[in-house]
Protein backbone atom coordinates (compact mmCIF):
# COMPACT_ATOMS: atom_id res chain seq x y z
CA MET A 1 7.86 5.24 -7.54
CA ALA A 2 9.40 3.66 -4.44
CA ALA A 3 7.97 1.70 -1.66
CA ALA A 4 9.25 4.08 0.78
CA VAL A 5 7.37 6.83 -0.91
CA GLN A 6 4.27 4.59 -1.89
CA LYS A 7 3.90 3.77 2.22
CA ASP A 8 4.34 7.21 2.24
CA ILE A 9 1.13 8.35 0.76
CA GLU A 10 -0.88 5.84 2.28
CA LYS A 11 -0.23 7.45 5.39
CA LEU A 12 -1.51 10.96 4.26
CA SER A 13 -5.28 11.78 4.89
CA PHE A 14 -7.34 13.05 2.28
CA GLU A 15 -6.61 16.69 3.25
CA GLN A 16 -2.92 16.49 3.51
CA ALA A 17 -3.12 14.08 -0.21
CA MET A 18 -4.99 17.18 -1.36
CA GLU A 19 -3.22 19.71 -0.29
CA GLU A 20 0.50 18.25 -1.43
CA LEU A 21 -1.56 17.54 -4.71
CA GLU A 22 -2.53 21.11 -5.38
CA LYS A 23 1.25 22.44 -4.37
CA ILE A 24 2.35 20.10 -7.63
CA VAL A 25 -0.30 20.93 -9.75
CA SER A 26 1.09 24.50 -8.85
CA LYS A 27 4.67 23.67 -9.73
CA LEU A 28 3.89 21.42 -12.85
CA GLU A 29 2.05 24.87 -14.35
CA GLY A 30 4.46 27.64 -13.46
CA GLY A 31 6.75 25.23 -15.81
CA HIS A 32 10.24 26.08 -14.03
CA ALA A 33 11.27 22.60 -12.71
CA LYS A 34 13.58 20.38 -14.71
CA LEU A 35 12.24 18.02 -16.87
CA GLU A 36 13.78 14.68 -14.27
CA ASP A 37 11.69 16.47 -11.13
CA ALA A 38 8.59 17.72 -13.46
CA ILE A 39 8.50 13.77 -14.50
CA ASN A 40 8.76 12.65 -10.53
CA ASP A 41 6.62 15.27 -9.04
CA TYR A 42 3.94 14.40 -12.04
CA GLU A 43 4.27 10.40 -10.82
CA ARG A 44 3.95 11.82 -7.20
CA GLY A 45 0.79 13.69 -8.21
CA ALA A 46 -0.22 10.39 -10.15
CA GLU A 47 -0.31 8.31 -6.54
CA LEU A 48 -0.98 11.57 -4.64
CA LYS A 49 -4.56 11.37 -6.86
CA LYS A 50 -5.44 8.17 -6.78
CA ARG A 51 -4.95 8.19 -2.72
CA CYS A 52 -7.71 11.01 -3.03
CA GLU A 53 -9.68 8.87 -4.77
CA ASN A 54 -9.66 5.47 -2.78
CA LEU A 55 -10.75 7.56 0.68
CA LEU A 56 -13.34 9.15 -1.13
CA GLN A 57 -14.82 5.73 -2.07
CA LEU A 58 -14.11 4.74 1.26
CA ALA A 59 -16.13 7.67 2.79
CA GLU A 60 -18.75 6.87 -0.10
CA THR A 61 -18.73 3.39 1.25
CA ARG A 62 -19.59 4.19 4.59
CA VAL A 63 -22.51 6.95 4.23
CA GLN A 64 -24.00 4.62 2.18
CA LYS A 65 -23.98 2.15 4.98
CA ILE A 66 -25.22 4.69 7.37
CA ILE A 67 -28.12 5.31 4.85
CA VAL A 68 -29.44 2.07 4.46
CA GLY A 69 -28.82 1.38 7.98
CA LYS A 70 -31.71 -0.51 9.17
CA THR A 71 -34.36 1.01 7.00
CA GLY A 72 -33.08 -0.90 4.02
CA PRO A 73 -31.76 0.88 0.28
CA GLU A 74 -34.78 2.19 -0.34
CA ASN A 75 -33.01 5.77 1.47
CA LEU A 76 -30.18 5.25 -1.13
CA GLU A 77 -32.06 6.90 -4.16
CA LEU A 78 -32.60 10.79 -1.74
CA LEU A 79 -28.31 10.43 -2.55
CA ASP A 80 -29.26 10.84 -6.42
CA SER A 81 -31.43 13.79 -5.99
């Protein structure tokens, strides 16, 4: 994937990336795209998925830091239940 496209994806918020990914999935499920277009859409979709996963991981890390805070790691058990 071109570096310019990758930079474009890195600027998207979680919501923006998810919205675009949903559009790509719908388009691919329709099955009416030319093969080359479908491949390009699939590649972009894979990059958007990776962006969403990275943003979710960052959010999870931030939440864990907030929960641990001053009281220590014992509060993390609350997230697992």
